[in-house]
C-alpha atoms as a PDB file:
ATOM      1  CA  MET A   1     -25.092  -9.161 -35.034  1.00  0.00           C
ATOM      2  CA  MET A   2     -24.425 -11.616 -31.823  1.00  0.00           C
ATOM      3  CA  TYR A   3     -21.564  -9.772 -30.827  1.00  0.00           C
ATOM      4  CA  ALA A   4     -23.097  -6.756 -30.347  1.00  0.00           C
ATOM      5  CA  LEU A   5     -25.906  -8.109 -28.577  1.00  0.00           C
ATOM      6  CA  GLU A   6     -23.272 -10.148 -25.995  1.00  0.00           C
ATOM      7  CA  MET A   7     -21.162  -6.951 -25.849  1.00  0.00           C
ATOM      8  CA  ILE A   8     -24.211  -4.520 -25.026  1.00  0.00           C
ATOM      9  CA  ILE A   9     -25.388  -7.008 -21.911  1.00  0.00           C
ATOM     10  CA  ALA A  10     -21.720  -7.184 -20.831  1.00  0.00           C
ATOM     11  CA  THR A  11     -21.537  -3.718 -20.747  1.00  0.00           C
ATOM     12  CA  LEU A  12     -25.034  -3.556 -19.260  1.00  0.00           C
ATOM     13  CA  GLY A  13     -24.445  -6.471 -16.914  1.00  0.00           C
ATOM     14  CA  LEU A  14     -21.337  -4.235 -15.805  1.00  0.00           C
ATOM     15  CA  ALA A  15     -22.813  -0.982 -14.848  1.00  0.00           C
ATOM     16  CA  LEU A  16     -25.677  -2.922 -12.824  1.00  0.00           C
ATOM     17  CA  ILE A  17     -22.989  -4.527 -10.714  1.00  0.00           C
ATOM     18  CA  THR A  18     -21.123  -0.922 -10.332  1.00  0.00           C
ATOM     19  CA  LEU A  19     -24.410   1.090  -9.366  1.00  0.00           C
ATOM     20  CA  VAL A  20     -25.700  -2.099  -6.547  1.00  0.00           C
ATOM     21  CA  THR A  21     -21.899  -1.805  -5.125  1.00  0.00           C
ATOM     22  CA  ARG A  22     -21.098   1.556  -5.166  1.00  0.00           C
ATOM     23  CA  SER A  23     -24.581   2.484  -3.795  1.00  0.00           C
ATOM     24  CA  PHE A  24     -24.512   0.095  -1.426  1.00  0.00           C
ATOM     25  CA  PHE A  25     -24.387   2.185   1.914  1.00  0.00           C
ATOM     26  CA  MET A  26     -26.196   5.119   0.898  1.00  0.00           C
ATOM     27  CA  ILE A  27     -29.451   2.145   0.717  1.00  0.00           C
ATOM     28  CA  SER A  28     -29.796   1.660   3.779  1.00  0.00           C
ATOM     29  CA  ASP A  29     -31.084   4.729   6.148  1.00  0.00           C
ATOM     30  CA  LYS A  30     -28.822   4.023   9.249  1.00  0.00           C
ATOM     31  CA  GLU A  31     -25.499   3.076  10.322  1.00  0.00           C
ATOM     32  CA  LEU A  32     -24.531  -0.893   9.589  1.00  0.00           C
ATOM     33  CA  PRO A  33     -23.695  -1.713  12.833  1.00  0.00           C
ATOM     34  CA  MET A  34     -20.238  -3.500  12.448  1.00  0.00           C
ATOM     35  CA  PRO A  35     -17.717  -4.751  15.487  1.00  0.00           C
ATOM     36  CA  GLU A  36     -15.054  -1.950  16.771  1.00  0.00           C
ATOM     37  CA  TRP A  37     -12.284  -3.707  15.613  1.00  0.00           C
ATOM     38  CA  LEU A  38     -13.387  -4.356  12.133  1.00  0.00           C
ATOM     39  CA  ARG A  39     -14.856   0.175  11.920  1.00  0.00           C
ATOM     40  CA  ARG A  40     -10.406   0.390  13.844  1.00  0.00           C
ATOM     41  CA  GLY A  41      -9.309  -1.193  11.093  1.00  0.00           C
ATOM     42  CA  LEU A  42     -11.031   0.068   8.031  1.00  0.00           C
ATOM     43  CA  LYS A  43      -9.480   2.669   8.958  1.00  0.00           C
ATOM     44  CA  TYR A  44      -5.713   2.100   7.782  1.00  0.00           C
ATOM     45  CA  ALA A  45      -7.624   0.233   4.350  1.00  0.00           C
ATOM     46  CA  PRO A  46      -6.750   3.316   1.721  1.00  0.00           C
ATOM     47  CA  LEU A  47      -3.718   4.114   3.476  1.00  0.00           C
ATOM     48  CA  ALA A  48      -2.452  -0.462   3.146  1.00  0.00           C
ATOM     49  CA  ALA A  49      -4.192   0.415  -0.993  1.00  0.00           C
ATOM     50  CA  LEU A  50      -1.819   3.140  -1.423  1.00  0.00           C
ATOM     51  CA  GLY A  51       0.869   1.461   0.372  1.00  0.00           C
ATOM     52  CA  ALA A  52       0.372  -1.480  -2.183  1.00  0.00           C
ATOM     53  CA  VAL A  53       0.286   0.328  -5.039  1.00  0.00           C
ATOM     54  CA  ILE A  54       3.166   2.244  -4.598  1.00  0.00           C
ATOM     55  CA  VAL A  55       5.730   0.322  -3.030  1.00  0.00           C
ATOM     56  CA  PRO A  56       6.525  -1.905  -5.939  1.00  0.00           C
ATOM     57  CA  GLU A  57       6.653   0.708  -8.152  1.00  0.00           C
ATOM     58  CA  LEU A  58       9.611   2.725  -6.281  1.00  0.00           C
ATOM     59  CA  PHE A  59      11.710  -0.637  -5.435  1.00  0.00           C
ATOM     60  CA  MET A  60      10.695  -2.904  -8.929  1.00  0.00           C
ATOM     61  CA  THR A  61      11.164  -2.593 -12.507  1.00  0.00           C
ATOM     62  CA  GLN A  62       9.767  -4.971 -14.988  1.00  0.00           C
ATOM     63  CA  GLY A  63       9.034  -7.481 -11.973  1.00  0.00           C
ATOM     64  CA  HIS A  64      11.741  -7.705 -10.749  1.00  0.00           C
ATOM     65  CA  PHE A  65      14.339  -4.781  -7.933  1.00  0.00           C
ATOM     66  CA  ILE A  66      15.911  -1.994  -9.274  1.00  0.00           C
ATOM     67  CA  HIS A  67      19.951  -3.866  -8.575  1.00  0.00           C
ATOM     68  CA  THR A  68      20.671  -0.410  -9.122  1.00  0.00           C
ATOM     69  CA  LEU A  69      21.058   3.153  -6.964  1.00  0.00           C
ATOM     70  CA  MET A  70      21.383   5.653  -9.878  1.00  0.00           C
ATOM     71  CA  ASP A  71      17.504   4.936 -10.032  1.00  0.00           C
ATOM     72  CA  ALA A  72      15.592   8.659 -10.022  1.00  0.00           C
ATOM     73  CA  ARG A  73      13.226   6.899  -8.066  1.00  0.00           C
ATOM     74  CA  LEU A  74      15.510   6.480  -4.663  1.00  0.00           C
ATOM     75  CA  PRO A  75      16.933   9.944  -4.788  1.00  0.00           C
ATOM     76  CA  ALA A  76      13.576  12.058  -5.275  1.00  0.00           C
ATOM     77  CA  LEU A  77      11.963   9.206  -2.193  1.00  0.00           C
ATOM     78  CA  VAL A  78      14.529  10.521   0.216  1.00  0.00           C
ATOM     79  CA  GLY A  79      13.961  13.790  -0.156  1.00  0.00           C
ATOM     80  CA  ALA A  80       9.826  13.680  -0.797  1.00  0.00           C
ATOM     81  CA  VAL A  81       9.981  11.761   2.673  1.00  0.00           C
ATOM     82  CA  ILE A  82      12.440  14.867   4.362  1.00  0.00           C
ATOM     83  CA  TYR A  83       9.736  17.008   3.223  1.00  0.00           C
ATOM     84  CA  TYR A  84       6.896  15.678   4.444  1.00  0.00           C
ATOM     85  CA  TYR A  85       7.870  15.165   7.953  1.00  0.00           C
ATOM     86  CA  SER A  86       9.315  18.266   8.154  1.00  0.00           C
ATOM     87  CA  GLN A  87       7.003  19.956   6.652  1.00  0.00           C
ATOM     88  CA  ARG A  88       3.629  17.459   6.910  1.00  0.00           C
ATOM     89  CA  GLY A  89       2.309  18.638   3.702  1.00  0.00           C
ATOM     90  CA  ILE A  90       0.810  16.310   1.136  1.00  0.00           C
ATOM     91  CA  LEU A  91       1.660  18.731  -2.026  1.00  0.00           C
ATOM     92  CA  GLY A  92       4.885  19.739  -0.950  1.00  0.00           C
ATOM     93  CA  THR A  93       5.353  15.987  -0.552  1.00  0.00           C
ATOM     94  CA  ILE A  94       4.780  15.822  -4.620  1.00  0.00           C
ATOM     95  CA  LEU A  95       6.036  18.831  -5.834  1.00  0.00           C
ATOM     96  CA  VAL A  96       9.584  17.765  -4.153  1.00  0.00           C
ATOM     97  CA  GLY A  97       9.350  14.324  -5.583  1.00  0.00           C
ATOM     98  CA  MET A  98       8.743  15.506  -9.214  1.00  0.00           C
ATOM     99  CA  LEU A  99      11.380  18.410  -9.187  1.00  0.00           C
ATOM    100  CA  ILE A 100      13.700  15.448  -8.281  1.00  0.00           C
ATOM    101  CA  TYR A 101      12.725  12.821  -9.976  1.00  0.00           C
ATOM    102  CA  LEU A 102      12.724  14.408 -13.003  1.00  0.00           C
ATOM    103  CA  PRO A 103      15.799  15.957 -13.668  1.00  0.00           C
ATOM    104  CA  LEU A 104      17.565  13.120 -13.478  1.00  0.00           C
ATOM    105  CA  HIS A 105      15.304  10.160 -14.894  1.00  0.00           C
ATOM    106  CA  ILE A 106      14.537  12.313 -17.846  1.00  0.00           C
ATOM    107  CA  GLY A 107      18.159  15.189 -18.149  1.00  0.00           C
ATOM    108  CA  LEU A 108      20.465  12.377 -17.391  1.00  0.00           C
ATOM    109  CA  GLY A 109      18.724   9.694 -17.944  1.00  0.00           C
ATOM    110  CA  TRP A 110      18.955   7.407 -14.860  1.00  0.00           C
END
């Protein structure tokens, strides 16, 4: 019985924390003052977070750097980068990367 009560309290506590942190910026009617350097820096936060997630996935496997060029992620990365810099389309970049990655990974076992 105590275990169920602890689970309910933990779930309600996490829900409350999530609600407060996600609605923090909607509580005030006026814009929060922040220095211009912080405002400029926050524009790059999503890109930095995305890079922090994607780069290890591209160049590492199970915590170690890839040691061969016969990894399907590398040609897919090259193709996606070339497409992006020529067309500037996100959806096309994803499609080109996957069209290169899947046959190499599934078909050839890279």
